[in-house]
């Protein structure tokens, strides 16, 4: 059984991402009486920060994808990765018939179900503005049979924090200057890109990697400007003569 000790309301710094190997299955889900019909497990699909920091107890997890959606940095964040004054950019899903989005599905059982849904309702719905939907999750494993029905959180244009489309350069510039209770917006982007690069190397996510490239191209300019200002400030003025 896995549990991420970091909670978004505790304002963690930069937690280490947990390994993506599934933990052993529980032999008997907690809270089930002997001889009673076992409660079916619930699967929760994450495609943003949930891929590295779920924040709730789970029984197992699988890397995989859902069809019919594209991942987009179109949702504003004024709590986890931004503020009211300077909202961050986090991902949501856009209906896209020919696309697929990779992420991690978590299996929760027994008492884990109510606890995880209560936690995610606060993290994703109340603080994030996301709605829930059921989707078909396809595990990465080659021997996987039928797709798994999973719960996913999607931010729609109807929520007040929705920012909508923008150029990769503008999104990267907004990410660079945004930070919230869970950490800097840059960390969010880079961790998500690293997940795709190392766990889903066969998959494409042009939107995600284009923003990463734009961010990397901007950062040296910012560093050079700050360094130049420091050097200028340290140079003594010429004596008047």
C-alpha atoms as a PDB file:
ATOM      1  CA  UNK A   1       0.000   0.000   0.000  1.00  0.00           C
ATOM      2  CA  UNK A   2       1.421   3.361  -1.056  1.00  0.00           C
ATOM      3  CA  UNK A   3       0.807   6.747   0.443  1.00  0.00           C
ATOM      4  CA  UNK A   4       2.270  10.052  -0.575  1.00  0.00           C
ATOM      5  CA  UNK A   5       3.036  11.974   2.635  1.00  0.00           C
ATOM      6  CA  UNK A   6       2.947  15.359   0.937  1.00  0.00           C
ATOM      7  CA  UNK A   7      -0.415  17.116   0.923  1.00  0.00           C
ATOM      8  CA  UNK A   8      -1.050  20.251  -1.175  1.00  0.00           C
ATOM      9  CA  UNK A   9      -2.411  22.197   1.771  1.00  0.00           C
ATOM     10  CA  UNK A  10       0.883  21.704   3.622  1.00  0.00           C
ATOM     11  CA  UNK A  11       2.774  23.710   0.999  1.00  0.00           C
ATOM     12  CA  UNK A  12       5.577  21.184   0.297  1.00  0.00           C
ATOM     13  CA  UNK A  13       8.738  22.209  -1.478  1.00  0.00           C
ATOM     14  CA  UNK A  14       9.968  19.798  -4.160  1.00  0.00           C
ATOM     15  CA  UNK A  15       9.065  16.227  -3.141  1.00  0.00           C
ATOM     16  CA  UNK A  16      10.841  13.325  -4.805  1.00  0.00           C
ATOM     17  CA  UNK A  17       8.591  11.468  -7.272  1.00  0.00           C
ATOM     18  CA  UNK A  18       7.760   7.928  -6.062  1.00  0.00           C
ATOM     19  CA  UNK A  19       8.786   4.964  -8.265  1.00  0.00           C
ATOM     20  CA  UNK A  20       6.094   3.767 -10.617  1.00  0.00           C
ATOM     21  CA  UNK A  21       6.294   0.086  -9.696  1.00  0.00           C
ATOM     22  CA  UNK A  22       2.975  -1.099  -8.261  1.00  0.00           C
ATOM     23  CA  UNK A  23       2.839  -2.010  -4.597  1.00  0.00           C
ATOM     24  CA  UNK A  24       1.651  -5.493  -3.564  1.00  0.00           C
ATOM     25  CA  UNK A  25      -2.105  -6.010  -3.696  1.00  0.00           C
ATOM     26  CA  UNK A  26      -3.909  -6.043  -0.407  1.00  0.00           C
ATOM     27  CA  UNK A  27      -4.948  -9.589   0.490  1.00  0.00           C
ATOM     28  CA  UNK A  28      -8.145  -8.321   2.073  1.00  0.00           C
ATOM     29  CA  UNK A  29      -9.342  -4.735   1.572  1.00  0.00           C
ATOM     30  CA  UNK A  30      -9.816  -2.930   4.904  1.00  0.00           C
ATOM     31  CA  UNK A  31     -13.316  -2.482   6.216  1.00  0.00           C
ATOM     32  CA  UNK A  32     -14.801  -5.590   4.567  1.00  0.00           C
ATOM     33  CA  UNK A  33     -16.463  -8.114   6.817  1.00  0.00           C
ATOM     34  CA  UNK A  34     -15.561 -11.789   6.491  1.00  0.00           C
ATOM     35  CA  UNK A  35     -17.780 -13.571   4.028  1.00  0.00           C
ATOM     36  CA  UNK A  36     -19.200 -10.293   2.680  1.00  0.00           C
ATOM     37  CA  UNK A  37     -19.221  -9.588  -1.027  1.00  0.00           C
ATOM     38  CA  UNK A  38     -16.035  -7.546  -1.722  1.00  0.00           C
ATOM     39  CA  UNK A  39     -16.531  -3.954  -2.838  1.00  0.00           C
ATOM     40  CA  UNK A  40     -15.378  -3.450  -6.444  1.00  0.00           C
ATOM     41  CA  UNK A  41     -12.213  -1.360  -6.726  1.00  0.00           C
ATOM     42  CA  UNK A  42     -12.267   2.175  -8.084  1.00  0.00           C
ATOM     43  CA  UNK A  43      -9.650   3.355 -10.580  1.00  0.00           C
ATOM     44  CA  UNK A  44      -8.577   7.019 -10.723  1.00  0.00           C
ATOM     45  CA  UNK A  45      -6.715   8.327 -13.777  1.00  0.00           C
ATOM     46  CA  UNK A  46      -4.188  11.124 -13.330  1.00  0.00           C
ATOM     47  CA  UNK A  47      -2.542  13.058 -16.169  1.00  0.00           C
ATOM     48  CA  UNK A  48      -1.073  16.062 -14.313  1.00  0.00           C
ATOM     49  CA  UNK A  49       0.506  16.267 -10.860  1.00  0.00           C
ATOM     50  CA  UNK A  50      -1.267  13.030  -9.886  1.00  0.00           C
ATOM     51  CA  UNK A  51       1.285  11.062 -11.950  1.00  0.00           C
ATOM     52  CA  UNK A  52       4.028  11.845  -9.414  1.00  0.00           C
ATOM     53  CA  UNK A  53       2.144  12.914  -6.284  1.00  0.00           C
ATOM     54  CA  UNK A  54      -1.241  11.260  -5.825  1.00  0.00           C
ATOM     55  CA  UNK A  55      -1.532  12.231  -2.146  1.00  0.00           C
ATOM     56  CA  UNK A  56      -3.842   9.323  -1.225  1.00  0.00           C
ATOM     57  CA  UNK A  57      -3.480   5.642  -0.347  1.00  0.00           C
ATOM     58  CA  UNK A  58      -3.847   3.167  -3.187  1.00  0.00           C
ATOM     59  CA  UNK A  59      -3.494  -0.554  -3.821  1.00  0.00           C
ATOM     60  CA  UNK A  60      -1.778  -0.566  -7.216  1.00  0.00           C
ATOM     61  CA  UNK A  61      -1.109   1.673 -10.172  1.00  0.00           C
ATOM     62  CA  UNK A  62      -0.563   1.317 -13.887  1.00  0.00           C
ATOM     63  CA  UNK A  63       0.911   3.531 -16.587  1.00  0.00           C
ATOM     64  CA  UNK A  64      -1.339   3.823 -19.625  1.00  0.00           C
ATOM     65  CA  UNK A  65      -3.555   6.112 -21.672  1.00  0.00           C
ATOM     66  CA  UNK A  66      -7.094   7.209 -22.437  1.00  0.00           C
ATOM     67  CA  UNK A  67      -8.375   7.852 -25.956  1.00  0.00           C
ATOM     68  CA  UNK A  68     -10.318  10.849 -27.277  1.00  0.00           C
ATOM     69  CA  UNK A  69      -8.553  13.565 -25.262  1.00  0.00           C
ATOM     70  CA  UNK A  70      -5.548  15.872 -25.594  1.00  0.00           C
ATOM     71  CA  UNK A  71      -3.666  17.358 -22.621  1.00  0.00           C
ATOM     72  CA  UNK A  72      -3.571  21.162 -22.576  1.00  0.00           C
ATOM     73  CA  UNK A  73      -2.119  23.810 -20.221  1.00  0.00           C
ATOM     74  CA  UNK A  74      -5.359  25.752 -20.410  1.00  0.00           C
ATOM     75  CA  UNK A  75      -6.460  25.709 -16.757  1.00  0.00           C
ATOM     76  CA  UNK A  76      -5.526  28.507 -14.380  1.00  0.00           C
ATOM     77  CA  UNK A  77      -4.324  27.728 -10.851  1.00  0.00           C
ATOM     78  CA  UNK A  78      -4.530  30.258  -8.026  1.00  0.00           C
ATOM     79  CA  UNK A  79      -3.663  27.866  -5.185  1.00  0.00           C
ATOM     80  CA  UNK A  80      -1.364  24.905  -5.952  1.00  0.00           C
ATOM     81  CA  UNK A  81       0.913  26.472  -8.602  1.00  0.00           C
ATOM     82  CA  UNK A  82      -0.109  30.103  -8.665  1.00  0.00           C
ATOM     83  CA  UNK A  83      -1.858  32.892  -6.789  1.00  0.00           C
ATOM     84  CA  UNK A  84      -4.809  35.223  -7.243  1.00  0.00           C
ATOM     85  CA  UNK A  85      -2.423  37.947  -8.348  1.00  0.00           C
ATOM     86  CA  UNK A  86      -0.434  35.664 -10.671  1.00  0.00           C
ATOM     87  CA  UNK A  87      -2.295  32.473 -11.702  1.00  0.00           C
ATOM     88  CA  UNK A  88      -0.248  29.488 -12.796  1.00  0.00           C
ATOM     89  CA  UNK A  89      -0.944  27.200 -15.753  1.00  0.00           C
ATOM     90  CA  UNK A  90      -1.850  23.541 -15.180  1.00  0.00           C
ATOM     91  CA  UNK A  91      -3.273  20.861 -17.455  1.00  0.00           C
ATOM     92  CA  UNK A  92      -6.792  19.831 -18.311  1.00  0.00           C
ATOM     93  CA  UNK A  93      -8.210  17.611 -21.058  1.00  0.00           C
ATOM     94  CA  UNK A  94      -9.661  18.714 -24.368  1.00  0.00           C
ATOM     95  CA  UNK A  95     -11.955  16.384 -26.298  1.00  0.00           C
ATOM     96  CA  UNK A  96      -9.999  15.308 -29.370  1.00  0.00           C
ATOM     97  CA  UNK A  97     -11.293  12.355 -31.370  1.00  0.00           C
ATOM     98  CA  UNK A  98      -7.981  11.060 -32.747  1.00  0.00           C
ATOM     99  CA  UNK A  99      -5.769  11.772 -29.737  1.00  0.00           C
ATOM    100  CA  UNK A 100      -4.774   9.973 -26.550  1.00  0.00           C
ATOM    101  CA  UNK A 101      -3.401  11.165 -23.222  1.00  0.00           C
ATOM    102  CA  UNK A 102      -0.900   9.170 -21.170  1.00  0.00           C
ATOM    103  CA  UNK A 103      -0.847   9.096 -17.381  1.00  0.00           C
ATOM    104  CA  UNK A 104      -1.213   6.841 -14.349  1.00  0.00           C
ATOM    105  CA  UNK A 105      -4.309   4.996 -13.099  1.00  0.00           C
ATOM    106  CA  UNK A 106      -4.540   4.231  -9.373  1.00  0.00           C
ATOM    107  CA  UNK A 107      -6.560   1.356  -7.949  1.00  0.00           C
ATOM    108  CA  UNK A 108      -8.222   2.095  -4.612  1.00  0.00           C
ATOM    109  CA  UNK A 109     -10.115  -0.479  -2.524  1.00  0.00           C
ATOM    110  CA  UNK A 110     -12.182  -0.657   0.647  1.00  0.00           C
ATOM    111  CA  UNK A 111     -11.687   2.291   2.977  1.00  0.00           C
ATOM    112  CA  UNK A 112      -9.244   3.803   0.500  1.00  0.00           C
ATOM    113  CA  UNK A 113     -12.153   4.669  -1.817  1.00  0.00           C
ATOM    114  CA  UNK A 114     -13.982   7.156   0.402  1.00  0.00           C
ATOM    115  CA  UNK A 115     -10.734   8.668   1.722  1.00  0.00           C
ATOM    116  CA  UNK A 116      -9.215   9.177  -1.732  1.00  0.00           C
ATOM    117  CA  UNK A 117     -12.389  10.659  -3.233  1.00  0.00           C
ATOM    118  CA  UNK A 118     -12.805  13.050  -0.311  1.00  0.00           C
ATOM    119  CA  UNK A 119      -9.186  14.164  -0.657  1.00  0.00           C
ATOM    120  CA  UNK A 120      -9.423  14.583  -4.441  1.00  0.00           C
ATOM    121  CA  UNK A 121     -12.696  16.458  -4.185  1.00  0.00           C
ATOM    122  CA  UNK A 122     -10.904  19.127  -2.150  1.00  0.00           C
ATOM    123  CA  UNK A 123      -7.669  19.089  -4.191  1.00  0.00           C
ATOM    124  CA  UNK A 124      -9.162  18.915  -7.689  1.00  0.00           C
ATOM    125  CA  UNK A 125     -12.770  20.129  -7.473  1.00  0.00           C
ATOM    126  CA  UNK A 126     -12.922  22.694  -4.659  1.00  0.00           C
ATOM    127  CA  UNK A 127      -9.417  24.167  -5.026  1.00  0.00           C
ATOM    128  CA  UNK A 128      -8.877  23.346  -8.701  1.00  0.00           C
ATOM    129  CA  UNK A 129     -12.251  23.767 -10.391  1.00  0.00           C
ATOM    130  CA  UNK A 130     -12.295  20.294 -11.961  1.00  0.00           C
ATOM    131  CA  UNK A 131     -15.325  18.101 -12.716  1.00  0.00           C
ATOM    132  CA  UNK A 132     -15.383  14.286 -12.754  1.00  0.00           C
ATOM    133  CA  UNK A 133     -15.991  11.962 -15.668  1.00  0.00           C
ATOM    134  CA  UNK A 134     -15.648   8.227 -16.388  1.00  0.00           C
ATOM    135  CA  UNK A 135     -13.245   7.160 -19.144  1.00  0.00           C
ATOM    136  CA  UNK A 136     -11.769   3.935 -20.503  1.00  0.00           C
ATOM    137  CA  UNK A 137      -8.167   3.498 -19.374  1.00  0.00           C
ATOM    138  CA  UNK A 138      -5.808   1.315 -21.438  1.00  0.00           C
ATOM    139  CA  UNK A 139      -2.859  -0.088 -19.428  1.00  0.00           C
ATOM    140  CA  UNK A 140       0.603  -0.002 -20.957  1.00  0.00           C
ATOM    141  CA  UNK A 141       1.188  -3.727 -20.331  1.00  0.00           C
ATOM    142  CA  UNK A 142       1.078  -5.827 -23.494  1.00  0.00           C
ATOM    143  CA  UNK A 143      -0.884  -8.618 -21.792  1.00  0.00           C
ATOM    144  CA  UNK A 144      -3.658  -6.237 -20.657  1.00  0.00           C
ATOM    145  CA  UNK A 145      -7.072  -7.466 -21.754  1.00  0.00           C
ATOM    146  CA  UNK A 146     -10.076  -5.141 -21.534  1.00  0.00           C
ATOM    147  CA  UNK A 147      -9.733  -1.399 -20.815  1.00  0.00           C
ATOM    148  CA  UNK A 148     -10.474  -0.291 -17.245  1.00  0.00           C
ATOM    149  CA  UNK A 149     -13.240   2.167 -16.394  1.00  0.00           C
ATOM    150  CA  UNK A 150     -11.587   5.011 -14.487  1.00  0.00           C
ATOM    151  CA  UNK A 151     -12.553   8.290 -12.856  1.00  0.00           C
ATOM    152  CA  UNK A 152     -10.840  11.395 -14.241  1.00  0.00           C
ATOM    153  CA  UNK A 153     -10.912  15.071 -13.261  1.00  0.00           C
ATOM    154  CA  UNK A 154     -11.365  17.545 -16.129  1.00  0.00           C
ATOM    155  CA  UNK A 155     -11.494  21.358 -15.975  1.00  0.00           C
ATOM    156  CA  UNK A 156     -14.039  22.679 -18.471  1.00  0.00           C
ATOM    157  CA  UNK A 157     -14.388  26.216 -19.874  1.00  0.00           C
ATOM    158  CA  UNK A 158     -17.322  26.761 -17.500  1.00  0.00           C
ATOM    159  CA  UNK A 159     -15.146  26.971 -14.358  1.00  0.00           C
ATOM    160  CA  UNK A 160     -13.946  30.445 -13.247  1.00  0.00           C
ATOM    161  CA  UNK A 161     -10.240  29.510 -13.336  1.00  0.00           C
ATOM    162  CA  UNK A 162     -10.253  28.399 -16.979  1.00  0.00           C
ATOM    163  CA  UNK A 163      -7.741  30.392 -19.059  1.00  0.00           C
ATOM    164  CA  UNK A 164      -8.071  28.725 -22.444  1.00  0.00           C
ATOM    165  CA  UNK A 165      -5.591  28.567 -25.330  1.00  0.00           C
ATOM    166  CA  UNK A 166      -2.451  30.652 -25.703  1.00  0.00           C
ATOM    167  CA  UNK A 167       0.828  30.301 -27.576  1.00  0.00           C
ATOM    168  CA  UNK A 168       3.482  27.968 -26.160  1.00  0.00           C
ATOM    169  CA  UNK A 169       5.716  30.999 -25.555  1.00  0.00           C
ATOM    170  CA  UNK A 170       3.033  32.879 -23.613  1.00  0.00           C
ATOM    171  CA  UNK A 171       2.201  29.806 -21.523  1.00  0.00           C
ATOM    172  CA  UNK A 172       5.889  29.248 -20.744  1.00  0.00           C
ATOM    173  CA  UNK A 173       6.303  32.906 -19.741  1.00  0.00           C
ATOM    174  CA  UNK A 174       3.331  32.639 -17.381  1.00  0.00           C
ATOM    175  CA  UNK A 175       4.669  29.404 -15.865  1.00  0.00           C
ATOM    176  CA  UNK A 176       8.069  30.993 -15.201  1.00  0.00           C
ATOM    177  CA  UNK A 177       6.632  33.719 -12.958  1.00  0.00           C
ATOM    178  CA  UNK A 178       4.024  31.617 -11.117  1.00  0.00           C
ATOM    179  CA  UNK A 179       4.303  29.813  -7.801  1.00  0.00           C
ATOM    180  CA  UNK A 180       1.768  28.463  -5.308  1.00  0.00           C
ATOM    181  CA  UNK A 181       1.238  26.413  -2.169  1.00  0.00           C
ATOM    182  CA  UNK A 182       2.485  23.172  -3.776  1.00  0.00           C
ATOM    183  CA  UNK A 183       5.580  24.735  -5.350  1.00  0.00           C
ATOM    184  CA  UNK A 184       6.750  26.568  -8.446  1.00  0.00           C
ATOM    185  CA  UNK A 185       4.861  26.208 -11.704  1.00  0.00           C
ATOM    186  CA  UNK A 186       8.158  25.356 -13.452  1.00  0.00           C
ATOM    187  CA  UNK A 187       8.442  22.213 -11.313  1.00  0.00           C
ATOM    188  CA  UNK A 188       4.952  21.139 -12.411  1.00  0.00           C
ATOM    189  CA  UNK A 189       5.852  21.447 -16.093  1.00  0.00           C
ATOM    190  CA  UNK A 190       9.254  19.744 -15.846  1.00  0.00           C
ATOM    191  CA  UNK A 191       8.009  16.819 -13.735  1.00  0.00           C
ATOM    192  CA  UNK A 192       5.215  16.171 -16.219  1.00  0.00           C
ATOM    193  CA  UNK A 193       7.641  16.313 -19.153  1.00  0.00           C
ATOM    194  CA  UNK A 194      10.030  13.961 -17.325  1.00  0.00           C
ATOM    195  CA  UNK A 195       7.210  11.490 -16.688  1.00  0.00           C
ATOM    196  CA  UNK A 196       6.353  11.378 -20.391  1.00  0.00           C
ATOM    197  CA  UNK A 197       9.996  11.153 -21.412  1.00  0.00           C
ATOM    198  CA  UNK A 198      10.957   8.297 -19.075  1.00  0.00           C
ATOM    199  CA  UNK A 199       7.765   6.266 -18.653  1.00  0.00           C
ATOM    200  CA  UNK A 200       6.031   6.827 -22.011  1.00  0.00           C
ATOM    201  CA  UNK A 201       8.942   7.299 -24.471  1.00  0.00           C
ATOM    202  CA  UNK A 202       6.869   5.895 -27.340  1.00  0.00           C
ATOM    203  CA  UNK A 203       4.119   8.514 -26.894  1.00  0.00           C
ATOM    204  CA  UNK A 204       3.982  12.015 -28.335  1.00  0.00           C
ATOM    205  CA  UNK A 205       2.834  15.174 -26.581  1.00  0.00           C
ATOM    206  CA  UNK A 206       3.790  18.066 -28.843  1.00  0.00           C
ATOM    207  CA  UNK A 207       1.946  20.642 -26.739  1.00  0.00           C
ATOM    208  CA  UNK A 208       3.769  19.665 -23.526  1.00  0.00           C
ATOM    209  CA  UNK A 209       7.252  19.453 -25.026  1.00  0.00           C
ATOM    210  CA  UNK A 210       6.825  22.669 -27.032  1.00  0.00           C
ATOM    211  CA  UNK A 211       6.091  24.555 -23.813  1.00  0.00           C
ATOM    212  CA  UNK A 212       9.102  22.916 -22.159  1.00  0.00           C
ATOM    213  CA  UNK A 213      11.310  24.021 -25.066  1.00  0.00           C
ATOM    214  CA  UNK A 214       9.922  27.551 -24.907  1.00  0.00           C
ATOM    215  CA  UNK A 215      10.570  27.710 -21.165  1.00  0.00           C
ATOM    216  CA  UNK A 216      14.150  26.484 -21.533  1.00  0.00           C
ATOM    217  CA  UNK A 217      14.806  29.059 -24.262  1.00  0.00           C
ATOM    218  CA  UNK A 218      13.485  31.894 -22.058  1.00  0.00           C
ATOM    219  CA  UNK A 219      15.341  30.978 -18.845  1.00  0.00           C
ATOM    220  CA  UNK A 220      18.890  31.796 -20.077  1.00  0.00           C
ATOM    221  CA  UNK A 221      17.658  35.231 -21.163  1.00  0.00           C
ATOM    222  CA  UNK A 222      16.284  35.894 -17.694  1.00  0.00           C
ATOM    223  CA  UNK A 223      19.496  34.657 -16.063  1.00  0.00           C
ATOM    224  CA  UNK A 224      21.640  36.836 -18.356  1.00  0.00           C
ATOM    225  CA  UNK A 225      19.535  39.922 -17.661  1.00  0.00           C
ATOM    226  CA  UNK A 226      19.763  39.470 -13.893  1.00  0.00           C
ATOM    227  CA  UNK A 227      23.493  38.763 -14.077  1.00  0.00           C
ATOM    228  CA  UNK A 228      24.064  41.867 -16.217  1.00  0.00           C
ATOM    229  CA  UNK A 229      22.144  44.013 -13.742  1.00  0.00           C
ATOM    230  CA  UNK A 230      24.233  42.674 -10.848  1.00  0.00           C
ATOM    231  CA  UNK A 231      27.468  43.351 -12.734  1.00  0.00           C
ATOM    232  CA  UNK A 232      26.325  46.847 -13.640  1.00  0.00           C
ATOM    233  CA  UNK A 233      25.451  47.569 -10.010  1.00  0.00           C
ATOM    234  CA  UNK A 234      28.872  46.407  -8.819  1.00  0.00           C
ATOM    235  CA  UNK A 235      30.861  48.594 -11.248  1.00  0.00           C
ATOM    236  CA  UNK A 236      31.995  51.815  -9.492  1.00  0.00           C
ATOM    237  CA  UNK A 237      31.019  55.090 -11.130  1.00  0.00           C
ATOM    238  CA  UNK A 238      33.758  56.970 -12.900  1.00  0.00           C
ATOM    239  CA  UNK A 239      35.135  59.857 -10.905  1.00  0.00           C
ATOM    240  CA  UNK A 240      34.045  63.225 -12.079  1.00  0.00           C
ATOM    241  CA  UNK A 241      36.879  65.362 -13.347  1.00  0.00           C
END
